[in-house]
Every structure is written in structure tokens, then in C-alpha cells.
PDB file of all heavy atoms in Angstrom:
ATOM      1  N   LEU A   1      -1.088  -4.896  18.733  1.00  0.00           N
ATOM      2  CA  LEU A   1      -0.801  -5.280  17.364  1.00  0.00           C
ATOM      3  C   LEU A   1      -1.998  -4.935  16.473  1.00  0.00           C
ATOM      4  O   LEU A   1      -1.823  -4.414  15.374  1.00  0.00           O
ATOM      5  CB  LEU A   1      -0.507  -6.812  17.242  1.00  0.00           C
ATOM      6  CG  LEU A   1       0.852  -7.242  17.746  1.00  0.00           C
ATOM      7  CD1 LEU A   1       0.880  -8.801  17.827  1.00  0.00           C
ATOM      8  CD2 LEU A   1       1.949  -6.686  16.928  1.00  0.00           C
ATOM      9  N   ALA A   2      -3.257  -5.204  16.998  1.00  0.00           N
ATOM     10  CA  ALA A   2      -4.448  -4.824  16.209  1.00  0.00           C
ATOM     11  C   ALA A   2      -4.496  -3.312  15.999  1.00  0.00           C
ATOM     12  O   ALA A   2      -4.848  -2.839  14.893  1.00  0.00           O
ATOM     13  CB  ALA A   2      -5.676  -5.342  16.916  1.00  0.00           C
ATOM     14  N   ALA A   3      -4.216  -2.537  17.031  1.00  0.00           N
ATOM     15  CA  ALA A   3      -4.231  -1.007  16.889  1.00  0.00           C
ATOM     16  C   ALA A   3      -3.138  -0.586  15.902  1.00  0.00           C
ATOM     17  O   ALA A   3      -3.361   0.288  15.088  1.00  0.00           O
ATOM     18  CB  ALA A   3      -4.021  -0.410  18.254  1.00  0.00           C
ATOM     19  N   PHE A   4      -2.018  -1.204  15.953  1.00  0.00           N
ATOM     20  CA  PHE A   4      -0.926  -0.837  15.027  1.00  0.00           C
ATOM     21  C   PHE A   4      -1.316  -1.206  13.629  1.00  0.00           C
ATOM     22  O   PHE A   4      -1.045  -0.448  12.696  1.00  0.00           O
ATOM     23  CB  PHE A   4       0.370  -1.603  15.458  1.00  0.00           C
ATOM     24  CG  PHE A   4       1.605  -1.175  14.661  1.00  0.00           C
ATOM     25  CD1 PHE A   4       2.102   0.120  14.784  1.00  0.00           C
ATOM     26  CD2 PHE A   4       2.165  -2.045  13.752  1.00  0.00           C
ATOM     27  CE1 PHE A   4       3.215   0.494  14.032  1.00  0.00           C
ATOM     28  CE2 PHE A   4       3.303  -1.617  13.063  1.00  0.00           C
ATOM     29  CZ  PHE A   4       3.835  -0.330  13.180  1.00  0.00           C
ATOM     30  N   ALA A   5      -1.974  -2.368  13.434  1.00  0.00           N
ATOM     31  CA  ALA A   5      -2.492  -2.708  12.082  1.00  0.00           C
ATOM     32  C   ALA A   5      -3.486  -1.685  11.601  1.00  0.00           C
ATOM     33  O   ALA A   5      -3.403  -1.354  10.422  1.00  0.00           O
ATOM     34  CB  ALA A   5      -3.142  -4.152  12.149  1.00  0.00           C
ATOM     35  N   GLY A   6      -4.371  -1.216  12.427  1.00  0.00           N
ATOM     36  CA  GLY A   6      -5.277  -0.225  12.036  1.00  0.00           C
ATOM     37  C   GLY A   6      -4.616   1.103  11.633  1.00  0.00           C
ATOM     38  O   GLY A   6      -5.009   1.670  10.603  1.00  0.00           O
ATOM     39  N   MET A   7      -3.551   1.476  12.375  1.00  0.00           N
ATOM     40  CA  MET A   7      -2.810   2.642  11.983  1.00  0.00           C
ATOM     41  C   MET A   7      -2.136   2.432  10.642  1.00  0.00           C
ATOM     42  O   MET A   7      -2.142   3.339   9.823  1.00  0.00           O
ATOM     43  CB  MET A   7      -1.798   2.949  13.063  1.00  0.00           C
ATOM     44  CG  MET A   7      -0.959   4.187  12.896  1.00  0.00           C
ATOM     45  SD  MET A   7       0.549   4.061  11.904  1.00  0.00           S
ATOM     46  CE  MET A   7       1.503   2.824  12.729  1.00  0.00           C
ATOM     47  N   MET A   8      -1.560   1.227  10.434  1.00  0.00           N
ATOM     48  CA  MET A   8      -0.961   0.947   9.142  1.00  0.00           C
ATOM     49  C   MET A   8      -1.890   0.904   7.972  1.00  0.00           C
ATOM     50  O   MET A   8      -1.570   1.383   6.883  1.00  0.00           O
ATOM     51  CB  MET A   8      -0.116  -0.316   9.186  1.00  0.00           C
ATOM     52  CG  MET A   8       1.157  -0.255  10.073  1.00  0.00           C
ATOM     53  SD  MET A   8       2.224  -1.696   9.976  1.00  0.00           S
ATOM     54  CE  MET A   8       1.206  -2.989  10.589  1.00  0.00           C
ATOM     55  N   VAL A   9      -3.146   0.413   8.213  1.00  0.00           N
ATOM     56  CA  VAL A   9      -4.140   0.482   7.150  1.00  0.00           C
ATOM     57  C   VAL A   9      -4.466   1.889   6.783  1.00  0.00           C
ATOM     58  O   VAL A   9      -4.455   2.256   5.605  1.00  0.00           O
ATOM     59  CB  VAL A   9      -5.399  -0.285   7.568  1.00  0.00           C
ATOM     60  CG1 VAL A   9      -6.618  -0.008   6.602  1.00  0.00           C
ATOM     61  CG2 VAL A   9      -5.183  -1.819   7.662  1.00  0.00           C
ATOM     62  N   ALA A  10      -4.589   2.818   7.743  1.00  0.00           N
ATOM     63  CA  ALA A  10      -4.869   4.178   7.449  1.00  0.00           C
ATOM     64  C   ALA A  10      -3.696   4.831   6.752  1.00  0.00           C
ATOM     65  O   ALA A  10      -3.902   5.604   5.781  1.00  0.00           O
ATOM     66  CB  ALA A  10      -5.191   4.925   8.737  1.00  0.00           C
ATOM     67  N   LEU A  11      -2.521   4.542   7.159  1.00  0.00           N
ATOM     68  CA  LEU A  11      -1.310   5.101   6.511  1.00  0.00           C
ATOM     69  C   LEU A  11      -1.160   4.573   5.154  1.00  0.00           C
ATOM     70  O   LEU A  11      -0.900   5.317   4.171  1.00  0.00           O
ATOM     71  CB  LEU A  11      -0.095   4.708   7.373  1.00  0.00           C
ATOM     72  CG  LEU A  11       1.268   5.349   6.979  1.00  0.00           C
ATOM     73  CD1 LEU A  11       1.161   6.863   7.092  1.00  0.00           C
ATOM     74  CD2 LEU A  11       2.345   4.824   7.928  1.00  0.00           C
ATOM     75  N   GLN A  12      -1.393   3.261   4.892  1.00  0.00           N
ATOM     76  CA  GLN A  12      -1.268   2.682   3.547  1.00  0.00           C
ATOM     77  C   GLN A  12      -2.315   3.322   2.636  1.00  0.00           C
ATOM     78  O   GLN A  12      -2.049   3.555   1.484  1.00  0.00           O
ATOM     79  CB  GLN A  12      -1.430   1.194   3.602  1.00  0.00           C
ATOM     80  CG  GLN A  12      -1.286   0.552   2.214  1.00  0.00           C
ATOM     81  CD  GLN A  12      -1.637  -0.864   2.148  1.00  0.00           C
ATOM     82  OE1 GLN A  12      -2.411  -1.376   2.971  1.00  0.00           O
ATOM     83  NE2 GLN A  12      -1.077  -1.576   1.178  1.00  0.00           N
ATOM     84  N   THR A  13      -3.495   3.564   3.174  1.00  0.00           N
ATOM     85  CA  THR A  13      -4.567   4.146   2.411  1.00  0.00           C
ATOM     86  C   THR A  13      -4.145   5.534   1.870  1.00  0.00           C
ATOM     87  O   THR A  13      -4.380   5.912   0.675  1.00  0.00           O
ATOM     88  CB  THR A  13      -5.863   4.233   3.259  1.00  0.00           C
ATOM     89  OG1 THR A  13      -6.234   2.949   3.662  1.00  0.00           O
ATOM     90  CG2 THR A  13      -7.005   4.844   2.517  1.00  0.00           C
ATOM     91  N   ILE A  14      -3.563   6.292   2.712  1.00  0.00           N
ATOM     92  CA  ILE A  14      -3.067   7.625   2.328  1.00  0.00           C
ATOM     93  C   ILE A  14      -1.933   7.464   1.277  1.00  0.00           C
ATOM     94  O   ILE A  14      -1.984   8.217   0.220  1.00  0.00           O
ATOM     95  CB  ILE A  14      -2.525   8.441   3.535  1.00  0.00           C
ATOM     96  CG1 ILE A  14      -3.748   8.714   4.475  1.00  0.00           C
ATOM     97  CG2 ILE A  14      -1.882   9.705   3.124  1.00  0.00           C
ATOM     98  CD1 ILE A  14      -3.378   9.226   5.853  1.00  0.00           C
ATOM     99  N   PHE A  15      -0.994   6.566   1.440  1.00  0.00           N
ATOM    100  CA  PHE A  15       0.106   6.372   0.511  1.00  0.00           C
ATOM    101  C   PHE A  15      -0.525   5.898  -0.848  1.00  0.00           C
ATOM    102  O   PHE A  15      -0.065   6.321  -1.901  1.00  0.00           O
ATOM    103  CB  PHE A  15       1.051   5.389   1.012  1.00  0.00           C
ATOM    104  CG  PHE A  15       2.081   5.891   2.013  1.00  0.00           C
ATOM    105  CD1 PHE A  15       1.761   6.942   2.866  1.00  0.00           C
ATOM    106  CD2 PHE A  15       3.290   5.326   2.117  1.00  0.00           C
ATOM    107  CE1 PHE A  15       2.702   7.416   3.797  1.00  0.00           C
ATOM    108  CE2 PHE A  15       4.249   5.818   3.085  1.00  0.00           C
ATOM    109  CZ  PHE A  15       3.931   6.880   3.868  1.00  0.00           C
ATOM    110  N   ASN A  16      -1.433   4.934  -0.790  1.00  0.00           N
ATOM    111  CA  ASN A  16      -2.035   4.459  -2.037  1.00  0.00           C
ATOM    112  C   ASN A  16      -2.790   5.553  -2.768  1.00  0.00           C
ATOM    113  O   ASN A  16      -2.680   5.667  -4.004  1.00  0.00           O
ATOM    114  CB  ASN A  16      -3.069   3.292  -1.720  1.00  0.00           C
ATOM    115  CG  ASN A  16      -2.384   2.055  -1.184  1.00  0.00           C
ATOM    116  OD1 ASN A  16      -1.159   1.923  -1.168  1.00  0.00           O
ATOM    117  ND2 ASN A  16      -3.204   1.117  -0.784  1.00  0.00           N
ATOM    118  N   ASN A  17      -3.445   6.492  -2.057  1.00  0.00           N
ATOM    119  CA  ASN A  17      -4.127   7.548  -2.628  1.00  0.00           C
ATOM    120  C   ASN A  17      -3.120   8.457  -3.345  1.00  0.00           C
ATOM    121  O   ASN A  17      -3.422   8.929  -4.501  1.00  0.00           O
ATOM    122  CB  ASN A  17      -4.966   8.320  -1.662  1.00  0.00           C
ATOM    123  CG  ASN A  17      -5.689   9.456  -2.218  1.00  0.00           C
ATOM    124  OD1 ASN A  17      -5.268  10.592  -2.017  1.00  0.00           O
ATOM    125  ND2 ASN A  17      -6.758   9.221  -2.928  1.00  0.00           N
ATOM    126  N   ARG A  18      -2.025   8.764  -2.711  1.00  0.00           N
ATOM    127  CA  ARG A  18      -1.044   9.652  -3.343  1.00  0.00           C
ATOM    128  C   ARG A  18      -0.443   9.002  -4.551  1.00  0.00           C
ATOM    129  O   ARG A  18      -0.143   9.679  -5.520  1.00  0.00           O
ATOM    130  CB  ARG A  18       0.025  10.021  -2.322  1.00  0.00           C
ATOM    131  CG  ARG A  18      -0.448  10.856  -1.124  1.00  0.00           C
ATOM    132  CD  ARG A  18      -0.889  12.270  -1.444  1.00  0.00           C
ATOM    133  NE  ARG A  18      -2.272  12.267  -2.019  1.00  0.00           N
ATOM    134  CZ  ARG A  18      -2.733  13.142  -2.832  1.00  0.00           C
ATOM    135  NH1 ARG A  18      -2.065  14.193  -3.215  1.00  0.00           N
ATOM    136  NH2 ARG A  18      -3.980  13.098  -3.342  1.00  0.00           N
ATOM    137  N   THR A  19      -0.183   7.682  -4.443  1.00  0.00           N
ATOM    138  CA  THR A  19       0.404   6.945  -5.620  1.00  0.00           C
ATOM    139  C   THR A  19      -0.581   6.932  -6.748  1.00  0.00           C
ATOM    140  O   THR A  19      -0.242   7.125  -7.887  1.00  0.00           O
ATOM    141  CB  THR A  19       0.739   5.511  -5.187  1.00  0.00           C
ATOM    142  OG1 THR A  19       1.648   5.586  -4.032  1.00  0.00           O
ATOM    143  CG2 THR A  19       1.457   4.727  -6.334  1.00  0.00           C
ATOM    144  N   ASP A  20      -1.888   6.750  -6.455  1.00  0.00           N
ATOM    145  CA  ASP A  20      -2.920   6.660  -7.481  1.00  0.00           C
ATOM    146  C   ASP A  20      -3.007   7.987  -8.239  1.00  0.00           C
ATOM    147  O   ASP A  20      -3.231   7.962  -9.476  1.00  0.00           O
ATOM    148  CB  ASP A  20      -4.277   6.436  -6.764  1.00  0.00           C
ATOM    149  CG  ASP A  20      -5.400   6.353  -7.796  1.00  0.00           C
ATOM    150  OD1 ASP A  20      -5.367   5.533  -8.761  1.00  0.00           O
ATOM    151  OD2 ASP A  20      -6.356   7.188  -7.623  1.00  0.00           O
ATOM    152  N   VAL A  21      -2.769   9.085  -7.617  1.00  0.00           N
ATOM    153  CA  VAL A  21      -2.818  10.354  -8.300  1.00  0.00           C
ATOM    154  C   VAL A  21      -1.764  10.418  -9.466  1.00  0.00           C
ATOM    155  O   VAL A  21      -1.966  11.007 -10.479  1.00  0.00           O
ATOM    156  CB  VAL A  21      -2.505  11.539  -7.276  1.00  0.00           C
ATOM    157  CG1 VAL A  21      -2.228  12.864  -7.986  1.00  0.00           C
ATOM    158  CG2 VAL A  21      -3.717  11.692  -6.339  1.00  0.00           C
ATOM    159  N   HIS A  22      -0.622   9.737  -9.184  1.00  0.00           N
ATOM    160  CA  HIS A  22       0.502   9.777 -10.136  1.00  0.00           C
ATOM    161  C   HIS A  22       0.452   8.667 -11.144  1.00  0.00           C
ATOM    162  O   HIS A  22       0.983   8.738 -12.258  1.00  0.00           O
ATOM    163  CB  HIS A  22       1.829   9.828  -9.437  1.00  0.00           C
ATOM    164  CG  HIS A  22       2.032  11.041  -8.629  1.00  0.00           C
ATOM    165  ND1 HIS A  22       2.335  12.285  -9.098  1.00  0.00           N
ATOM    166  CD2 HIS A  22       1.883  11.247  -7.246  1.00  0.00           C
ATOM    167  CE1 HIS A  22       2.368  13.184  -8.146  1.00  0.00           C
ATOM    168  NE2 HIS A  22       2.107  12.548  -7.012  1.00  0.00           N
ATOM    169  N   MET A  23      -0.114   7.489 -10.788  1.00  0.00           N
ATOM    170  CA  MET A  23       0.012   6.306 -11.616  1.00  0.00           C
ATOM    171  C   MET A  23      -1.277   5.724 -12.114  1.00  0.00           C
ATOM    172  O   MET A  23      -1.242   4.965 -13.080  1.00  0.00           O
ATOM    173  CB  MET A  23       0.730   5.176 -10.785  1.00  0.00           C
ATOM    174  CG  MET A  23       2.122   5.454 -10.291  1.00  0.00           C
ATOM    175  SD  MET A  23       2.805   4.131  -9.282  1.00  0.00           S
ATOM    176  CE  MET A  23       3.071   2.874 -10.576  1.00  0.00           C
ATOM    177  N   GLY A  24      -2.352   5.961 -11.465  1.00  0.00           N
ATOM    178  CA  GLY A  24      -3.642   5.385 -11.860  1.00  0.00           C
ATOM    179  C   GLY A  24      -3.947   4.191 -10.822  1.00  0.00           C
ATOM    180  O   GLY A  24      -3.046   3.632 -10.203  1.00  0.00           O
ATOM    181  N   SER A  25      -5.180   3.796 -10.800  1.00  0.00           N
ATOM    182  CA  SER A  25      -5.642   2.836  -9.790  1.00  0.00           C
ATOM    183  C   SER A  25      -5.021   1.411  -9.991  1.00  0.00           C
ATOM    184  O   SER A  25      -4.572   0.771  -8.987  1.00  0.00           O
ATOM    185  CB  SER A  25      -7.166   2.778  -9.850  1.00  0.00           C
ATOM    186  OG  SER A  25      -7.740   3.969  -9.574  1.00  0.00           O
ATOM    187  N   TRP A  26      -5.006   0.942 -11.204  1.00  0.00           N
ATOM    188  CA  TRP A  26      -4.484  -0.377 -11.408  1.00  0.00           C
ATOM    189  C   TRP A  26      -3.013  -0.433 -11.299  1.00  0.00           C
ATOM    190  O   TRP A  26      -2.430  -1.451 -10.729  1.00  0.00           O
ATOM    191  CB  TRP A  26      -4.958  -0.989 -12.779  1.00  0.00           C
ATOM    192  CG  TRP A  26      -6.423  -1.403 -12.669  1.00  0.00           C
ATOM    193  CD1 TRP A  26      -7.460  -0.807 -13.203  1.00  0.00           C
ATOM    194  CD2 TRP A  26      -6.918  -2.580 -11.944  1.00  0.00           C
ATOM    195  NE1 TRP A  26      -8.656  -1.464 -12.898  1.00  0.00           N
ATOM    196  CE2 TRP A  26      -8.320  -2.565 -12.104  1.00  0.00           C
ATOM    197  CE3 TRP A  26      -6.311  -3.509 -11.168  1.00  0.00           C
ATOM    198  CZ2 TRP A  26      -9.126  -3.482 -11.512  1.00  0.00           C
ATOM    199  CZ3 TRP A  26      -7.120  -4.477 -10.549  1.00  0.00           C
ATOM    200  CH2 TRP A  26      -8.530  -4.486 -10.730  1.00  0.00           C
ATOM    201  N   ALA A  27      -2.267   0.559 -11.767  1.00  0.00           N
ATOM    202  CA  ALA A  27      -0.883   0.604 -11.559  1.00  0.00           C
ATOM    203  C   ALA A  27      -0.498   0.700 -10.039  1.00  0.00           C
ATOM    204  O   ALA A  27       0.411   0.010  -9.620  1.00  0.00           O
ATOM    205  CB  ALA A  27      -0.236   1.778 -12.326  1.00  0.00           C
ATOM    206  N   THR A  28      -1.270   1.486  -9.377  1.00  0.00           N
ATOM    207  CA  THR A  28      -1.060   1.555  -7.868  1.00  0.00           C
ATOM    208  C   THR A  28      -1.293   0.214  -7.236  1.00  0.00           C
ATOM    209  O   THR A  28      -0.429  -0.161  -6.424  1.00  0.00           O
ATOM    210  CB  THR A  28      -2.061   2.587  -7.269  1.00  0.00           C
ATOM    211  OG1 THR A  28      -1.768   3.882  -7.827  1.00  0.00           O
ATOM    212  CG2 THR A  28      -1.937   2.626  -5.777  1.00  0.00           C
ATOM    213  N   THR A  29      -2.351  -0.496  -7.541  1.00  0.00           N
ATOM    214  CA  THR A  29      -2.621  -1.780  -7.051  1.00  0.00           C
ATOM    215  C   THR A  29      -1.453  -2.748  -7.397  1.00  0.00           C
ATOM    216  O   THR A  29      -1.017  -3.456  -6.477  1.00  0.00           O
ATOM    217  CB  THR A  29      -3.965  -2.352  -7.574  1.00  0.00           C
ATOM    218  OG1 THR A  29      -4.967  -1.427  -7.212  1.00  0.00           O
ATOM    219  CG2 THR A  29      -4.244  -3.660  -7.070  1.00  0.00           C
ATOM    220  N   THR A  30      -1.010  -2.765  -8.601  1.00  0.00           N
ATOM    221  CA  THR A  30       0.125  -3.631  -8.968  1.00  0.00           C
ATOM    222  C   THR A  30       1.339  -3.310  -8.216  1.00  0.00           C
ATOM    223  O   THR A  30       1.989  -4.204  -7.632  1.00  0.00           O
ATOM    224  CB  THR A  30       0.452  -3.412 -10.500  1.00  0.00           C
ATOM    225  OG1 THR A  30      -0.761  -3.722 -11.220  1.00  0.00           O
ATOM    226  CG2 THR A  30       1.536  -4.278 -10.951  1.00  0.00           C
ATOM    227  N   TRP A  31       1.689  -1.989  -8.064  1.00  0.00           N
ATOM    228  CA  TRP A  31       2.861  -1.623  -7.356  1.00  0.00           C
ATOM    229  C   TRP A  31       2.847  -1.928  -5.865  1.00  0.00           C
ATOM    230  O   TRP A  31       3.769  -2.423  -5.317  1.00  0.00           O
ATOM    231  CB  TRP A  31       3.063  -0.084  -7.583  1.00  0.00           C
ATOM    232  CG  TRP A  31       4.396   0.387  -6.989  1.00  0.00           C
ATOM    233  CD1 TRP A  31       4.516   1.220  -5.927  1.00  0.00           C
ATOM    234  CD2 TRP A  31       5.726   0.081  -7.439  1.00  0.00           C
ATOM    235  NE1 TRP A  31       5.789   1.467  -5.591  1.00  0.00           N
ATOM    236  CE2 TRP A  31       6.664   0.715  -6.535  1.00  0.00           C
ATOM    237  CE3 TRP A  31       6.272  -0.723  -8.384  1.00  0.00           C
ATOM    238  CZ2 TRP A  31       8.017   0.586  -6.646  1.00  0.00           C
ATOM    239  CZ3 TRP A  31       7.607  -0.858  -8.502  1.00  0.00           C
ATOM    240  CH2 TRP A  31       8.477  -0.205  -7.612  1.00  0.00           C
ATOM    241  N   VAL A  32       1.701  -1.609  -5.239  1.00  0.00           N
ATOM    242  CA  VAL A  32       1.521  -1.880  -3.830  1.00  0.00           C
ATOM    243  C   VAL A  32       1.635  -3.434  -3.548  1.00  0.00           C
ATOM    244  O   VAL A  32       2.399  -3.795  -2.588  1.00  0.00           O
ATOM    245  CB  VAL A  32       0.162  -1.408  -3.310  1.00  0.00           C
ATOM    246  CG1 VAL A  32      -0.275  -1.971  -2.010  1.00  0.00           C
ATOM    247  CG2 VAL A  32       0.140   0.171  -3.308  1.00  0.00           C
ATOM    248  N   LEU A  33       0.985  -4.212  -4.328  1.00  0.00           N
ATOM    249  CA  LEU A  33       1.042  -5.629  -4.028  1.00  0.00           C
ATOM    250  C   LEU A  33       2.403  -6.264  -4.431  1.00  0.00           C
ATOM    251  O   LEU A  33       2.877  -7.146  -3.784  1.00  0.00           O
ATOM    252  CB  LEU A  33      -0.130  -6.303  -4.790  1.00  0.00           C
ATOM    253  CG  LEU A  33      -1.500  -6.036  -4.298  1.00  0.00           C
ATOM    254  CD1 LEU A  33      -2.561  -6.649  -5.132  1.00  0.00           C
ATOM    255  CD2 LEU A  33      -1.637  -6.409  -2.804  1.00  0.00           C
ATOM    256  N   PHE A  34       3.096  -5.674  -5.423  1.00  0.00           N
ATOM    257  CA  PHE A  34       4.432  -6.170  -5.746  1.00  0.00           C
ATOM    258  C   PHE A  34       5.428  -5.843  -4.598  1.00  0.00           C
ATOM    259  O   PHE A  34       6.178  -6.707  -4.207  1.00  0.00           O
ATOM    260  CB  PHE A  34       4.919  -5.522  -7.097  1.00  0.00           C
ATOM    261  CG  PHE A  34       6.377  -5.851  -7.366  1.00  0.00           C
ATOM    262  CD1 PHE A  34       6.705  -7.133  -7.792  1.00  0.00           C
ATOM    263  CD2 PHE A  34       7.370  -4.894  -7.181  1.00  0.00           C
ATOM    264  CE1 PHE A  34       8.088  -7.471  -8.054  1.00  0.00           C
ATOM    265  CE2 PHE A  34       8.681  -5.192  -7.470  1.00  0.00           C
ATOM    266  CZ  PHE A  34       9.031  -6.478  -7.892  1.00  0.00           C
ATOM    267  N   MET A  35       5.273  -4.565  -4.108  1.00  0.00           N
ATOM    268  CA  MET A  35       6.188  -4.203  -2.988  1.00  0.00           C
ATOM    269  C   MET A  35       5.871  -5.052  -1.789  1.00  0.00           C
ATOM    270  O   MET A  35       6.768  -5.446  -1.056  1.00  0.00           O
ATOM    271  CB  MET A  35       6.042  -2.755  -2.718  1.00  0.00           C
ATOM    272  CG  MET A  35       6.574  -1.848  -3.802  1.00  0.00           C
ATOM    273  SD  MET A  35       8.304  -2.079  -4.114  1.00  0.00           S
ATOM    274  CE  MET A  35       9.069  -1.500  -2.626  1.00  0.00           C
ATOM    275  N   GLY A  36       4.589  -5.331  -1.497  1.00  0.00           N
ATOM    276  CA  GLY A  36       4.210  -6.211  -0.404  1.00  0.00           C
ATOM    277  C   GLY A  36       4.747  -7.627  -0.650  1.00  0.00           C
ATOM    278  O   GLY A  36       5.218  -8.246   0.376  1.00  0.00           O
ATOM    279  N   PHE A  37       4.694  -8.117  -1.824  1.00  0.00           N
ATOM    280  CA  PHE A  37       5.284  -9.452  -2.113  1.00  0.00           C
ATOM    281  C   PHE A  37       6.775  -9.485  -1.776  1.00  0.00           C
ATOM    282  O   PHE A  37       7.234 -10.418  -1.128  1.00  0.00           O
ATOM    283  CB  PHE A  37       5.004  -9.801  -3.611  1.00  0.00           C
ATOM    284  CG  PHE A  37       5.745 -11.013  -4.026  1.00  0.00           C
ATOM    285  CD1 PHE A  37       5.301 -12.279  -3.661  1.00  0.00           C
ATOM    286  CD2 PHE A  37       6.934 -10.864  -4.836  1.00  0.00           C
ATOM    287  CE1 PHE A  37       6.105 -13.405  -4.039  1.00  0.00           C
ATOM    288  CE2 PHE A  37       7.622 -12.024  -5.209  1.00  0.00           C
ATOM    289  CZ  PHE A  37       7.227 -13.269  -4.827  1.00  0.00           C
ATOM    290  N   VAL A  38       7.469  -8.503  -2.262  1.00  0.00           N
ATOM    291  CA  VAL A  38       8.957  -8.483  -2.092  1.00  0.00           C
ATOM    292  C   VAL A  38       9.289  -8.434  -0.580  1.00  0.00           C
ATOM    293  O   VAL A  38      10.083  -9.155  -0.054  1.00  0.00           O
ATOM    294  CB  VAL A  38       9.593  -7.266  -2.858  1.00  0.00           C
ATOM    295  CG1 VAL A  38      11.049  -7.069  -2.426  1.00  0.00           C
ATOM    296  CG2 VAL A  38       9.494  -7.477  -4.339  1.00  0.00           C
ATOM    297  N   ALA A  39       8.554  -7.527   0.152  1.00  0.00           N
ATOM    298  CA  ALA A  39       8.831  -7.360   1.536  1.00  0.00           C
ATOM    299  C   ALA A  39       8.456  -8.648   2.340  1.00  0.00           C
ATOM    300  O   ALA A  39       9.199  -9.063   3.191  1.00  0.00           O
ATOM    301  CB  ALA A  39       8.093  -6.154   2.148  1.00  0.00           C
ATOM    302  N   SER A  40       7.222  -9.148   2.035  1.00  0.00           N
ATOM    303  CA  SER A  40       6.851 -10.408   2.806  1.00  0.00           C
ATOM    304  C   SER A  40       7.696 -11.588   2.459  1.00  0.00           C
ATOM    305  O   SER A  40       7.992 -12.410   3.358  1.00  0.00           O
ATOM    306  CB  SER A  40       5.382 -10.647   2.608  1.00  0.00           C
ATOM    307  OG  SER A  40       5.065 -10.941   1.260  1.00  0.00           O
ATOM    308  N   LEU A  41       8.157 -11.737   1.164  1.00  0.00           N
ATOM    309  CA  LEU A  41       8.971 -12.812   0.850  1.00  0.00           C
ATOM    310  C   LEU A  41      10.320 -12.714   1.621  1.00  0.00           C
ATOM    311  O   LEU A  41      10.809 -13.734   2.166  1.00  0.00           O
ATOM    312  CB  LEU A  41       9.240 -12.818  -0.663  1.00  0.00           C
ATOM    313  CG  LEU A  41      10.195 -14.004  -1.194  1.00  0.00           C
ATOM    314  CD1 LEU A  41       9.556 -15.357  -0.788  1.00  0.00           C
ATOM    315  CD2 LEU A  41      10.446 -13.846  -2.659  1.00  0.00           C
ATOM    316  N   ALA A  42      10.895 -11.538   1.625  1.00  0.00           N
ATOM    317  CA  ALA A  42      12.141 -11.357   2.390  1.00  0.00           C
ATOM    318  C   ALA A  42      11.969 -11.693   3.848  1.00  0.00           C
ATOM    319  O   ALA A  42      12.826 -12.417   4.448  1.00  0.00           O
ATOM    320  CB  ALA A  42      12.685  -9.879   2.181  1.00  0.00           C
TER     321      ALA A  42
END
């Protein structure tokens, strides 16, 4: 589980970087945390 979490952190970092290129840093942070909220709530 810890190794999988590390892989997901690296993957999320890449996704966040690609999102940041299109949206900007604060919009990326908002979007990432909103999507995380929706997924974790469900």
C-alpha cells in the first residue's frame, strides 16, 4: 500500500503539472482538491 501510494503521488504530480500548464497553479490546486473531495466523499 505504501509503495502504491508513492506511485500515485508521482503520477498525481505529473497530472498536476500538465493541468497547471493549461489552468495555472491555483486553478489546478482548486480542481485537484475538488475532484479529490468528490471522489473521497463518494
